[in-house]
Amino acid sequence: MARIFVVGSGVVGTATGRGFLHAGHKVTFIDVDERRLEALRSEGLDAQDGLDLRAEPSSFIILTLPTPNVGHTYDLSAFEAGTVSVGQALRESYESHVVVVRSTVPPGTAEQVVQPLLEMNSGKVPGEGFTVASNPEFLRAASAVEDFRHPWMTVVASRSARTRERLGELLQPFGGDIRYFSNPAEAELIKCAHNIYNATKISFWNEMWLVTKELGLELDPIAQTVARSAEGSLNPLYGIRGGTPYGGVCLPKDTQGFLGVADSMGLRMPLLKAVVEVNDRMAQAAAGGPADVR
């Protein structure tokens, strides 16, 4: 049985804590929202308004703090405040703890934000009092508890091989494919890319929906057929090698040509236009010129 503290008890934190409880671990929920704490306590759960490690054994401290966007940036203020409180609690502990970043954060946050804040507020260094790991969540809000208990993919990252091993042992009983990385930034980028990929697919079919409406066609049977005919849907390895433009005859012809079809209907297709622009940049880079991505 592991000792686990979940710092931040919103949807992700609550699902995470409940999942570990169901697996037989000892879990304490930490949050600053008194109403949220009262709701958890009313269910008989251990919920506290602060982290106290003074009498605790070596534990996993899981950061599931909010990281909303403000315009085109992540607001890490609550995340950083929670991390500071963890560092202060570490100062009072004689044990070594694993601090796990589970929130969605920009790549590099674990080592460039979390680790320095923990060092500054605990007076300790990684490997002597704490280690840092990344374990991004892939939970859907409507089924977060079930998604945690039955994951299809688990990503674990830490500079410490022993920390990767311990975290893997904690998560392996839940099943699913576990991928290990030595750089937390890799795991952090996986989560960001995961969400951006899903958003891009939704926007692609929304753009195609506009085309079908203009043509008087029904999108659903078209989309369902493409989902089973396109190699990009059938083959998970298709198109994932970065740095190389698409080529051949069909892809350049249809991406370029369909922009003209859209123009003839008076439709804007900004996503398709961006696809062509990115490919042109990659082709320029492959020919020895600048990629012009900045």
Protein backbone atom coordinates (compact mmCIF):
# COMPACT_ATOMS: atom_id res chain seq x y z
CA MET A 1 0.00 0.00 0.00
CA ALA A 2 1.40 3.39 -1.02
CA ARG A 3 0.92 6.70 0.80
CA ILE A 4 -0.47 9.22 -1.65
CA PHE A 5 -1.31 12.92 -1.40
CA VAL A 6 -3.36 14.48 -4.20
CA VAL A 7 -2.71 18.23 -4.28
CA GLY A 8 -5.61 19.85 -6.11
CA SER A 9 -8.93 18.04 -5.83
CA GLY A 10 -10.88 19.07 -8.90
CA VAL A 11 -12.11 16.61 -11.54
CA VAL A 12 -8.65 15.19 -12.28
CA GLY A 13 -7.48 15.13 -8.68
CA THR A 14 -10.67 13.53 -7.39
CA ALA A 15 -10.63 10.85 -10.12
CA THR A 16 -6.96 10.18 -9.43
CA GLY A 17 -7.47 9.89 -5.68
CA ARG A 18 -10.55 7.72 -6.01
CA GLY A 19 -8.69 5.42 -8.38
CA PHE A 20 -5.83 4.94 -5.94
CA LEU A 21 -8.28 4.40 -3.07
CA HIS A 22 -10.06 1.71 -5.07
CA ALA A 23 -6.69 0.01 -5.55
CA GLY A 24 -6.17 -0.10 -1.78
CA HIS A 25 -3.79 2.81 -1.26
CA LYS A 26 -4.00 5.41 1.52
CA VAL A 27 -4.98 8.74 -0.02
CA THR A 28 -5.32 12.27 1.33
CA PHE A 29 -6.92 14.98 -0.82
CA ILE A 30 -5.46 18.50 -0.47
CA ASP A 31 -7.30 21.61 -1.62
CA VAL A 32 -7.87 25.26 -0.65
CA ASP A 33 -11.58 25.24 -1.56
CA GLU A 34 -13.49 24.59 1.66
CA ARG A 35 -16.69 23.60 -0.14
CA ARG A 36 -14.79 21.00 -2.13
CA LEU A 37 -13.17 19.70 1.04
CA GLU A 38 -16.53 19.44 2.81
CA ALA A 39 -17.98 17.51 -0.13
CA LEU A 40 -15.11 15.02 0.02
CA ARG A 41 -15.33 14.69 3.80
CA SER A 42 -19.08 14.08 3.57
CA GLU A 43 -18.20 10.93 1.65
CA GLY A 44 -15.84 9.79 4.38
CA LEU A 45 -12.71 10.75 2.46
CA ASP A 46 -9.60 12.25 4.05
CA ALA A 47 -9.48 15.84 2.79
CA GLN A 48 -7.24 18.57 4.23
CA ASP A 49 -6.58 22.24 3.50
CA GLY A 50 -2.80 21.82 3.73
CA LEU A 51 -0.04 19.26 3.25
CA ASP A 52 1.65 17.99 6.42
CA LEU A 53 4.48 15.48 5.91
CA ARG A 54 6.04 15.59 9.39
CA ALA A 55 4.83 12.15 10.48
CA GLU A 56 4.44 10.62 7.03
CA PRO A 57 6.49 7.86 5.39
CA SER A 58 7.97 8.22 1.92
CA SER A 59 5.02 9.11 -0.29
CA PHE A 60 3.80 10.13 -3.73
CA ILE A 61 2.68 13.77 -3.90
CA ILE A 62 0.60 14.21 -7.04
CA LEU A 63 0.07 17.70 -8.43
CA THR A 64 -3.34 17.96 -10.09
CA LEU A 65 -3.61 21.73 -9.87
CA PRO A 66 -5.45 23.95 -12.38
CA THR A 67 -3.48 25.35 -15.33
CA PRO A 68 -6.06 27.30 -17.37
CA ASN A 69 -5.18 29.33 -20.41
CA VAL A 70 -5.34 33.10 -20.48
CA GLY A 71 -5.33 33.98 -24.13
CA HIS A 72 -2.36 32.22 -25.68
CA THR A 73 -0.58 31.44 -22.41
CA TYR A 74 -1.00 28.98 -19.55
CA ASP A 75 -1.85 30.55 -16.20
CA LEU A 76 0.43 28.68 -13.77
CA SER A 77 -0.27 30.87 -10.75
CA ALA A 78 -2.38 28.29 -8.85
CA PHE A 79 -0.03 25.51 -9.95
CA GLU A 80 3.00 27.41 -8.68
CA ALA A 81 1.30 28.31 -5.38
CA GLY A 82 0.48 24.66 -4.81
CA THR A 83 4.05 23.66 -5.63
CA VAL A 84 5.38 26.22 -3.13
CA SER A 85 3.18 24.68 -0.42
CA VAL A 86 4.58 21.24 -1.26
CA GLY A 87 8.13 22.59 -0.95
CA GLN A 88 7.32 24.05 2.46
CA ALA A 89 5.92 20.70 3.60
CA LEU A 90 9.02 18.90 2.34
CA ARG A 91 11.16 21.14 4.55
CA GLU A 92 9.53 19.56 7.63
CA SER A 93 9.93 15.96 6.45
CA TYR A 94 12.77 13.55 7.16
CA GLU A 95 11.69 11.20 4.35
CA SER A 96 12.19 11.41 0.60
CA HIS A 97 9.05 11.89 -1.49
CA VAL A 98 8.17 11.64 -5.18
CA VAL A 99 6.50 14.79 -6.51
CA VAL A 100 4.49 13.88 -9.60
CA VAL A 101 3.29 16.51 -12.09
CA ARG A 102 -0.04 15.28 -13.44
CA SER A 103 -1.48 18.63 -14.49
CA THR A 104 -1.26 19.63 -18.14
CA VAL A 105 1.66 22.04 -18.31
CA PRO A 106 4.02 23.52 -20.92
CA PRO A 107 7.02 21.31 -21.77
CA GLY A 108 9.84 21.95 -19.33
CA THR A 109 7.63 22.86 -16.36
CA ALA A 110 8.69 19.96 -14.12
CA GLU A 111 12.37 20.86 -14.29
CA GLN A 112 12.21 24.60 -14.89
CA VAL A 113 9.35 25.52 -12.52
CA VAL A 114 8.52 22.69 -10.11
CA GLN A 115 12.04 21.58 -9.24
CA PRO A 116 13.42 25.09 -8.52
CA LEU A 117 10.36 25.97 -6.41
CA LEU A 118 10.72 22.77 -4.40
CA GLU A 119 14.43 23.38 -3.87
CA MET A 120 13.87 27.00 -2.82
CA ASN A 121 11.08 26.24 -0.37
CA SER A 122 12.34 22.94 1.06
CA GLY A 123 16.03 23.71 1.31
CA LYS A 124 16.63 20.30 -0.29
CA VAL A 125 17.85 19.09 -3.66
CA PRO A 126 16.59 16.34 -5.99
CA GLY A 127 17.67 12.95 -4.75
CA GLU A 128 17.93 14.21 -1.17
CA GLY A 129 14.43 14.80 0.10
CA PHE A 130 12.49 14.59 -3.14
CA THR A 131 12.52 13.56 -6.78
CA VAL A 132 10.37 14.97 -9.59
CA ALA A 133 8.38 12.99 -12.12
CA SER A 134 5.79 13.59 -14.81
CA ASN A 135 2.68 11.44 -15.26
CA PRO A 136 0.22 13.38 -17.45
CA GLU A 137 -3.45 12.48 -17.26
CA PHE A 138 -5.54 11.34 -20.23
CA LEU A 139 -8.93 11.59 -18.58
CA ARG A 140 -12.24 12.62 -20.10
CA ALA A 141 -14.35 14.80 -17.80
CA ALA A 142 -17.49 12.68 -18.24
CA SER A 143 -15.74 9.40 -17.39
CA ALA A 144 -12.67 10.50 -15.43
CA VAL A 145 -12.88 7.89 -12.65
CA GLU A 146 -13.31 4.98 -15.06
CA ASP A 147 -10.60 6.34 -17.36
CA PHE A 148 -8.16 6.41 -14.45
CA ARG A 149 -9.04 2.89 -13.34
CA HIS A 150 -8.83 1.53 -16.91
CA PRO A 151 -6.23 3.58 -18.82
CA TRP A 152 -5.39 2.87 -22.44
CA MET A 153 -2.05 4.67 -22.11
CA THR A 154 0.14 5.68 -19.15
CA VAL A 155 3.20 7.89 -19.51
CA VAL A 156 5.89 8.04 -16.82
CA ALA A 157 8.94 10.30 -16.96
CA SER A 158 11.74 11.17 -14.55
CA ARG A 159 15.48 11.71 -14.59
CA SER A 160 15.66 9.14 -11.78
CA ALA A 161 15.52 5.52 -12.94
CA ARG A 162 14.40 4.44 -9.48
CA THR A 163 11.57 6.98 -9.50
CA ARG A 164 10.41 5.75 -12.92
CA GLU A 165 10.46 2.21 -11.55
CA ARG A 166 8.51 3.09 -8.39
CA LEU A 167 5.90 5.10 -10.27
CA GLY A 168 5.56 2.33 -12.83
CA GLU A 169 4.99 -0.22 -10.07
CA LEU A 170 2.29 2.02 -8.61
CA LEU A 171 0.47 2.42 -11.92
CA GLN A 172 1.05 -0.94 -13.62
CA PRO A 173 -1.82 -2.77 -11.84
CA PHE A 174 -4.33 -0.48 -13.56
CA GLY A 175 -3.34 -1.97 -16.93
CA GLY A 176 -2.86 -0.26 -20.26
CA ASP A 177 0.29 0.47 -22.22
CA ILE A 178 2.99 2.14 -20.09
CA ARG A 179 5.61 4.29 -21.83
CA TYR A 180 8.73 5.42 -19.94
CA PHE A 181 10.80 8.55 -20.62
CA SER A 182 13.88 9.95 -18.90
CA ASN A 183 13.06 13.61 -19.62
CA PRO A 184 9.86 15.00 -18.03
CA ALA A 185 9.54 17.49 -20.89
CA GLU A 186 8.87 14.57 -23.23
CA ALA A 187 5.87 13.50 -21.17
CA GLU A 188 4.65 17.09 -20.88
CA LEU A 189 4.80 17.56 -24.65
CA ILE A 190 3.02 14.23 -25.20
CA LYS A 191 0.03 15.54 -23.23
CA CYS A 192 -0.06 18.88 -25.06
CA ALA A 193 0.31 17.18 -28.46
CA HIS A 194 -2.36 14.65 -27.49
CA ASN A 195 -4.93 17.39 -26.89
CA ILE A 196 -3.86 19.50 -29.87
CA TYR A 197 -4.10 16.48 -32.17
CA ASN A 198 -7.64 15.75 -30.98
CA ALA A 199 -8.63 19.40 -31.41
CA THR A 200 -7.13 19.49 -34.91
CA LYS A 201 -9.08 16.41 -35.98
CA ILE A 202 -12.33 17.95 -34.72
CA SER A 203 -11.61 21.20 -36.57
CA PHE A 204 -10.73 19.27 -39.75
CA TRP A 205 -14.13 17.61 -39.84
CA ASN A 206 -15.87 20.84 -38.92
CA GLU A 207 -14.19 22.44 -41.91
CA MET A 208 -15.36 19.54 -44.09
CA TRP A 209 -18.85 19.91 -42.58
CA LEU A 210 -18.97 23.44 -44.01
CA VAL A 211 -18.09 22.00 -47.42
CA THR A 212 -20.81 19.35 -47.25
CA LYS A 213 -23.41 21.94 -46.22
CA GLU A 214 -22.49 24.03 -49.26
CA LEU A 215 -22.73 20.99 -51.54
CA GLY A 216 -25.96 19.68 -50.00
CA LEU A 217 -24.32 16.48 -48.77
CA GLU A 218 -24.51 14.58 -45.47
CA LEU A 219 -21.22 14.58 -43.56
CA ASP A 220 -21.67 11.50 -41.32
CA PRO A 221 -21.47 8.71 -43.94
CA ILE A 222 -18.61 10.52 -45.67
CA ALA A 223 -16.61 10.99 -42.46
CA GLN A 224 -17.26 7.41 -41.33
CA THR A 225 -16.03 6.06 -44.65
CA VAL A 226 -12.90 8.23 -44.69
CA ALA A 227 -12.14 7.17 -41.12
CA ARG A 228 -11.92 3.59 -42.44
CA SER A 229 -10.22 4.31 -45.76
CA ALA A 230 -7.52 6.87 -44.92
CA GLU A 231 -4.18 5.41 -43.86
CA GLY A 232 -3.84 8.32 -41.44
CA SER A 233 -6.72 6.79 -39.47
CA LEU A 234 -5.88 3.10 -39.92
CA ASN A 235 -2.11 3.19 -39.38
CA PRO A 236 -0.94 4.81 -36.11
CA LEU A 237 2.59 5.18 -37.53
CA TYR A 238 1.50 7.01 -40.68
CA GLY A 239 2.71 10.57 -40.95
CA ILE A 240 4.37 10.83 -37.54
CA ARG A 241 7.96 11.27 -38.74
CA GLY A 242 8.56 15.02 -38.42
CA GLY A 243 10.86 17.04 -40.65
CA THR A 244 9.75 15.57 -43.98
CA PRO A 245 7.07 17.11 -46.23
CA TYR A 246 4.37 15.01 -47.81
CA GLY A 247 5.03 14.36 -51.48
CA GLY A 248 4.00 12.10 -54.31
CA VAL A 249 1.14 13.08 -56.60
CA CYS A 250 -2.12 12.82 -54.65
CA LEU A 251 -1.46 14.76 -51.46
CA PRO A 252 0.03 17.92 -53.03
CA LYS A 253 -2.56 17.85 -55.84
CA ASP A 254 -5.62 17.51 -53.63
CA THR A 255 -4.56 19.86 -50.84
CA GLN A 256 -3.73 22.57 -53.37
CA GLY A 257 -6.61 21.85 -55.72
CA PHE A 258 -9.29 21.72 -53.06
CA LEU A 259 -8.39 25.23 -51.93
CA GLY A 260 -9.59 26.30 -55.36
CA VAL A 261 -12.79 24.29 -54.95
CA ALA A 262 -13.43 26.07 -51.66
CA ASP A 263 -12.73 29.46 -53.23
CA SER A 264 -15.24 28.72 -56.00
CA MET A 265 -17.89 28.14 -53.31
CA GLY A 266 -16.90 31.24 -51.37
CA LEU A 267 -15.64 29.15 -48.43
CA ARG A 268 -12.61 29.83 -46.28
CA MET A 269 -10.63 26.73 -45.25
CA PRO A 270 -7.98 28.10 -42.88
CA LEU A 271 -6.96 24.66 -41.59
CA LEU A 272 -6.37 23.27 -45.09
CA LYS A 273 -4.51 26.44 -46.01
CA ALA A 274 -2.29 26.00 -42.95
CA VAL A 275 -1.62 22.36 -43.95
CA VAL A 276 -0.30 23.55 -47.32
CA GLU A 277 1.74 26.36 -45.75
CA VAL A 278 3.43 24.04 -43.24
CA ASN A 279 4.24 21.56 -46.00
CA ASP A 280 5.75 24.33 -48.15
CA ARG A 281 7.99 25.31 -45.22
CA MET A 282 9.13 21.72 -44.73
CA ALA A 283 9.83 21.34 -48.43
CA GLN A 284 11.91 24.52 -48.34
CA ALA A 285 13.85 23.22 -45.33
CA ALA A 286 14.41 19.84 -47.01
CA ALA A 287 15.88 21.66 -49.99
CA GLY A 288 18.41 23.36 -47.74
CA GLY A 289 16.57 26.62 -47.12
CA PRO A 290 15.12 28.04 -43.90
CA ALA A 291 11.99 26.40 -42.55
CA ASP A 292 10.68 29.86 -41.53
CA VAL A 293 8.72 28.49 -38.57
CA ARG A 294 9.21 31.44 -36.20
